Amino acid sequence: MNYLPLVNVFENPYELWEERDQTLEEMKLSGNFHERVKVKLEAKLFNHVDAAKHMIVKVVDNQLERFIKDYLNQSPCYKKMRSAMPSRTPKSLSDYQRRFQSTTFDQVTTDINTHGKLLSDGQCLFHGGFFPIKTGESFTTTRPFSTSFCPQIALRNAEWAGKAYDAGEVNLIVVRTVNSQTKTFCFRVNGTDKGHEAEILFAAGAKITLRSKVKIKNGKAYKACSQYAGRVLEKEIPFYLVEVDIS
């Protein structure tokens, strides 16, 4: 059985620094007027759990998103992962990524099973949403399951269209492949308007087991009011760091 290579976007730790502009004297010494001076290390992320916790606390970190995309563009393992996919994305998968229509779920799963591959055990990804199960419990997905290499994208997906407001909590989930049995499709990150999502899509039928769920903070969730145009609803909800196994 051929498995996709492991892609670890935190192979090299990510550092976030507080920075300041150079003084005039520093500009003269460096010869680079655009360089910024590092003042204090704010965060250093060694793994996916670190990254998920950081994103929940920080909320926005565009530098982290760029760090992950740069890694994928330079990674030989990611290049091999992409080369295992067809050169042209099947229409059902392209349509799914752009329009997310439930009527195509069966065809999407069929095409993932036809063109996709199994991830290697230990592959870690991110998903944003809500899992209404307890630690140690499992469920089997009945539709395609979307994940991302990037925790910021996953967090945005958890909040999109008022989903977090309706669920009453945010789950930023670290997804770890164990006993890999469900095929996946790796979407391209370049040459498409959805490339920033850095998406790996699982076919329906994946078994997900919740391993841990830890509350990190309370924060605001928002939703557009359906009754009054322009009005935005808000409430405070808990944000959880969740770890799951997927097979």
Protein backbone atom coordinates (compact mmCIF):
# COMPACT_ATOMS: atom_id res chain seq x y z
CA MET A 1 0.00 0.00 0.00
CA ASN A 2 1.42 3.40 -1.02
CA TYR A 3 1.05 6.22 1.48
CA LEU A 4 1.61 9.92 0.98
CA PRO A 5 4.80 11.27 2.59
CA LEU A 6 4.61 12.99 5.97
CA VAL A 7 4.52 16.77 5.70
CA ASN A 8 5.38 18.56 8.96
CA VAL A 9 4.94 22.32 8.57
CA PHE A 10 6.65 22.75 11.97
CA GLU A 11 9.75 20.81 10.99
CA ASN A 12 11.44 24.13 11.73
CA PRO A 13 9.88 26.00 14.69
CA TYR A 14 7.88 29.14 13.95
CA GLU A 15 8.87 32.31 15.78
CA LEU A 16 6.75 35.43 16.23
CA TRP A 17 8.65 38.53 17.31
CA GLU A 18 7.62 41.93 18.56
CA GLU A 19 9.39 44.31 16.18
CA ARG A 20 10.06 48.04 15.82
CA ASP A 21 11.26 50.36 13.09
CA GLN A 22 14.97 51.12 12.91
CA THR A 23 16.38 54.36 14.21
CA LEU A 24 18.11 56.61 11.67
CA GLU A 25 21.48 55.50 13.01
CA GLU A 26 20.55 51.81 12.68
CA MET A 27 19.43 52.41 9.09
CA LYS A 28 22.83 53.91 8.27
CA LEU A 29 24.65 50.98 9.87
CA SER A 30 22.53 48.26 8.25
CA GLY A 31 22.23 49.88 4.83
CA ASN A 32 18.69 48.48 4.67
CA PHE A 33 16.02 51.09 5.29
CA HIS A 34 13.17 48.54 5.29
CA GLU A 35 14.58 46.09 7.86
CA ARG A 36 12.79 45.93 11.21
CA VAL A 37 14.46 45.29 14.55
CA LYS A 38 13.43 42.31 16.68
CA VAL A 39 12.59 43.39 20.22
CA LYS A 40 11.05 40.41 22.03
CA LEU A 41 10.14 36.82 21.17
CA GLU A 42 6.35 36.58 21.59
CA ALA A 43 5.84 32.94 20.61
CA LYS A 44 7.78 29.90 19.44
CA LEU A 45 5.75 27.03 18.03
CA PHE A 46 7.30 23.57 17.86
CA ASN A 47 4.27 21.51 16.83
CA HIS A 48 0.61 21.53 15.80
CA VAL A 49 -0.73 21.64 19.36
CA ASP A 50 1.41 24.70 20.09
CA ALA A 51 0.08 26.30 16.90
CA ALA A 52 -3.58 25.62 17.69
CA LYS A 53 -3.28 27.08 21.19
CA HIS A 54 -1.41 30.10 19.79
CA MET A 55 -4.12 30.75 17.19
CA ILE A 56 -6.92 30.60 19.77
CA VAL A 57 -5.11 33.16 21.93
CA LYS A 58 -3.77 35.36 19.12
CA VAL A 59 -6.88 35.10 16.84
CA VAL A 60 -5.04 36.55 13.83
CA ASP A 61 -1.49 35.71 12.72
CA ASN A 62 -0.98 36.30 9.01
CA GLN A 63 2.75 35.78 9.41
CA LEU A 64 2.10 32.20 10.54
CA GLU A 65 -0.09 31.62 7.48
CA ARG A 66 2.73 32.89 5.21
CA PHE A 67 5.26 30.74 7.10
CA ILE A 68 3.20 27.62 6.39
CA LYS A 69 2.64 28.44 2.71
CA ASP A 70 6.36 29.15 2.24
CA TYR A 71 7.17 25.81 3.85
CA LEU A 72 4.78 23.94 1.55
CA ASN A 73 6.22 25.65 -1.52
CA GLN A 74 9.73 24.59 -0.52
CA SER A 75 9.00 21.12 0.89
CA PRO A 76 10.13 18.09 -1.17
CA CYS A 77 7.62 15.95 0.75
CA TYR A 78 4.73 18.27 -0.12
CA LYS A 79 5.88 18.26 -3.75
CA LYS A 80 5.70 14.44 -3.71
CA MET A 81 2.28 14.60 -2.07
CA ARG A 82 0.99 16.91 -4.81
CA SER A 83 2.61 14.84 -7.57
CA ALA A 84 0.57 11.84 -6.40
CA MET A 85 -2.61 13.76 -7.30
CA PRO A 86 -3.92 14.08 -10.89
CA SER A 87 -2.51 17.10 -12.75
CA ARG A 88 -6.05 18.37 -13.27
CA THR A 89 -8.32 18.51 -10.21
CA PRO A 90 -11.50 16.47 -10.84
CA LYS A 91 -14.48 18.74 -11.49
CA SER A 92 -16.48 17.52 -8.49
CA LEU A 93 -13.58 18.38 -6.14
CA SER A 94 -13.00 21.79 -7.71
CA ASP A 95 -16.72 22.56 -7.44
CA TYR A 96 -16.80 21.33 -3.83
CA GLN A 97 -13.96 23.62 -2.83
CA ARG A 98 -15.62 26.64 -4.43
CA ARG A 99 -19.31 26.11 -3.74
CA PHE A 100 -19.66 23.37 -1.08
CA GLN A 101 -22.90 21.87 -2.38
CA SER A 102 -24.30 18.93 -0.42
CA THR A 103 -25.71 17.42 -3.63
CA THR A 104 -22.14 16.64 -4.77
CA PHE A 105 -20.93 14.88 -1.59
CA ASP A 106 -21.35 11.35 -2.99
CA GLN A 107 -19.49 12.19 -6.20
CA VAL A 108 -16.75 13.95 -4.24
CA THR A 109 -16.18 10.84 -2.12
CA THR A 110 -16.17 8.66 -5.25
CA ASP A 111 -13.53 10.86 -6.87
CA ILE A 112 -11.37 11.00 -3.74
CA ASN A 113 -11.45 7.20 -3.56
CA THR A 114 -10.54 7.03 -7.26
CA HIS A 115 -7.83 9.69 -7.44
CA GLY A 116 -6.73 10.21 -3.83
CA LYS A 117 -4.22 8.46 -1.58
CA LEU A 118 -3.87 7.43 2.06
CA LEU A 119 -2.00 9.72 4.43
CA SER A 120 0.88 8.31 6.43
CA ASP A 121 0.25 7.62 10.10
CA GLY A 122 1.30 10.61 12.19
CA GLN A 123 0.26 13.22 9.65
CA CYS A 124 -1.15 16.23 11.53
CA LEU A 125 -3.62 18.76 10.13
CA PHE A 126 -6.18 21.27 11.43
CA HIS A 127 -9.97 21.44 11.36
CA GLY A 128 -12.28 24.12 12.73
CA GLY A 129 -15.80 23.29 13.83
CA PHE A 130 -17.70 21.60 16.63
CA PHE A 131 -17.64 17.93 17.68
CA PRO A 132 -20.58 17.04 19.98
CA ILE A 133 -18.85 13.96 21.42
CA LYS A 134 -16.95 13.23 24.64
CA THR A 135 -13.32 12.27 25.15
CA GLY A 136 -12.78 8.66 24.07
CA GLU A 137 -15.90 8.58 21.89
CA SER A 138 -15.80 8.09 18.12
CA PHE A 139 -17.99 8.78 15.12
CA THR A 140 -17.78 8.01 11.41
CA THR A 141 -18.11 10.85 8.92
CA THR A 142 -20.99 10.66 6.45
CA ARG A 143 -19.67 13.33 4.09
CA PRO A 144 -16.24 14.61 2.98
CA PHE A 145 -14.17 16.02 5.84
CA SER A 146 -12.06 19.12 5.22
CA THR A 147 -8.73 19.83 6.93
CA SER A 148 -5.94 22.35 6.42
CA PHE A 149 -2.21 22.59 7.01
CA CYS A 150 -2.90 26.03 8.55
CA PRO A 151 -4.57 26.67 11.94
CA GLN A 152 -5.59 30.22 10.99
CA ILE A 153 -7.61 28.89 8.03
CA ALA A 154 -9.21 26.25 10.28
CA LEU A 155 -10.16 28.86 12.88
CA ARG A 156 -11.74 31.10 10.21
CA ASN A 157 -13.75 28.12 8.95
CA ALA A 158 -15.02 27.46 12.49
CA GLU A 159 -16.29 31.03 12.71
CA TRP A 160 -17.57 31.40 9.12
CA ALA A 161 -21.24 32.28 8.53
CA GLY A 162 -22.05 32.32 12.23
CA LYS A 163 -21.23 28.63 12.78
CA ALA A 164 -19.44 29.28 16.08
CA TYR A 165 -22.30 31.50 17.28
CA ASP A 166 -24.83 28.75 16.55
CA ALA A 167 -22.70 25.97 18.06
CA GLY A 168 -22.07 27.93 21.25
CA GLU A 169 -18.36 27.11 21.24
CA VAL A 170 -15.31 27.00 18.98
CA ASN A 171 -13.30 23.81 18.54
CA LEU A 172 -9.89 24.30 16.90
CA ILE A 173 -8.95 20.71 16.23
CA VAL A 174 -5.58 19.05 15.70
CA VAL A 175 -6.27 16.04 13.49
CA ARG A 176 -3.73 13.19 13.71
CA THR A 177 -3.79 10.25 11.28
CA VAL A 178 -3.71 6.84 13.01
CA ASN A 179 -4.12 3.49 11.24
CA SER A 180 -4.81 5.32 7.98
CA GLN A 181 -7.72 3.80 6.05
CA THR A 182 -9.55 6.73 4.40
CA LYS A 183 -8.28 8.23 1.16
CA THR A 184 -7.59 11.94 0.87
CA PHE A 185 -7.12 14.53 -1.85
CA CYS A 186 -4.41 17.18 -1.56
CA PHE A 187 -5.46 20.43 -3.27
CA ARG A 188 -2.89 22.70 -4.88
CA VAL A 189 -1.75 25.86 -3.05
CA ASN A 190 -0.74 27.80 -6.17
CA GLY A 191 -2.65 28.69 -9.33
CA THR A 192 -6.10 28.70 -7.72
CA ASP A 193 -8.10 31.28 -5.77
CA LYS A 194 -8.62 28.70 -2.99
CA GLY A 195 -4.95 27.81 -2.66
CA HIS A 196 -4.59 29.77 0.58
CA GLU A 197 -6.78 27.14 2.27
CA ALA A 198 -3.96 24.55 1.98
CA GLU A 199 -6.65 21.89 2.07
CA ILE A 200 -6.55 18.13 2.50
CA LEU A 201 -9.99 16.58 1.95
CA PHE A 202 -10.92 13.17 3.39
CA ALA A 203 -13.50 10.95 1.71
CA ALA A 204 -16.63 10.15 3.71
CA GLY A 205 -16.32 7.17 6.04
CA ALA A 206 -13.40 8.35 8.18
CA LYS A 207 -13.46 7.30 11.83
CA ILE A 208 -12.71 10.18 14.22
CA THR A 209 -11.91 9.63 17.91
CA LEU A 210 -11.74 12.53 20.36
CA ARG A 211 -8.58 12.26 22.48
CA SER A 212 -8.62 15.52 24.44
CA LYS A 213 -10.55 18.77 24.77
CA VAL A 214 -9.11 21.69 26.73
CA LYS A 215 -10.69 25.11 27.20
CA ILE A 216 -8.24 27.87 26.32
CA LYS A 217 -10.36 31.01 26.76
CA ASN A 218 -13.72 32.71 26.37
CA GLY A 219 -14.16 34.96 23.35
CA LYS A 220 -16.70 36.68 21.13
CA ALA A 221 -18.67 34.94 18.37
CA TYR A 222 -20.63 36.84 15.73
CA LYS A 223 -23.50 36.20 13.34
CA ALA A 224 -25.39 38.37 10.87
CA CYS A 225 -28.97 38.93 12.02
CA SER A 226 -31.45 37.40 9.57
CA GLN A 227 -34.29 39.72 10.65
CA TYR A 228 -32.56 43.10 10.48
CA ALA A 229 -30.17 43.91 7.63
CA GLY A 230 -26.83 45.22 8.84
CA ARG A 231 -27.31 44.08 12.43
CA VAL A 232 -24.69 41.72 13.87
CA LEU A 233 -25.39 39.42 16.80
CA GLU A 234 -22.63 38.66 19.27
CA LYS A 235 -22.13 36.56 22.38
CA GLU A 236 -19.29 35.19 24.49
CA ILE A 237 -18.48 31.51 24.02
CA PRO A 238 -15.69 29.11 25.08
CA PHE A 239 -12.81 28.31 22.73
CA TYR A 240 -11.40 24.77 22.99
CA LEU A 241 -8.21 23.12 21.77
CA VAL A 242 -9.29 19.65 20.65
CA GLU A 243 -7.12 16.69 19.61
CA VAL A 244 -8.54 13.82 17.56
CA ASP A 245 -7.32 10.70 15.79
CA ILE A 246 -8.59 9.95 12.29
CA SER A 247 -8.39 6.69 10.39
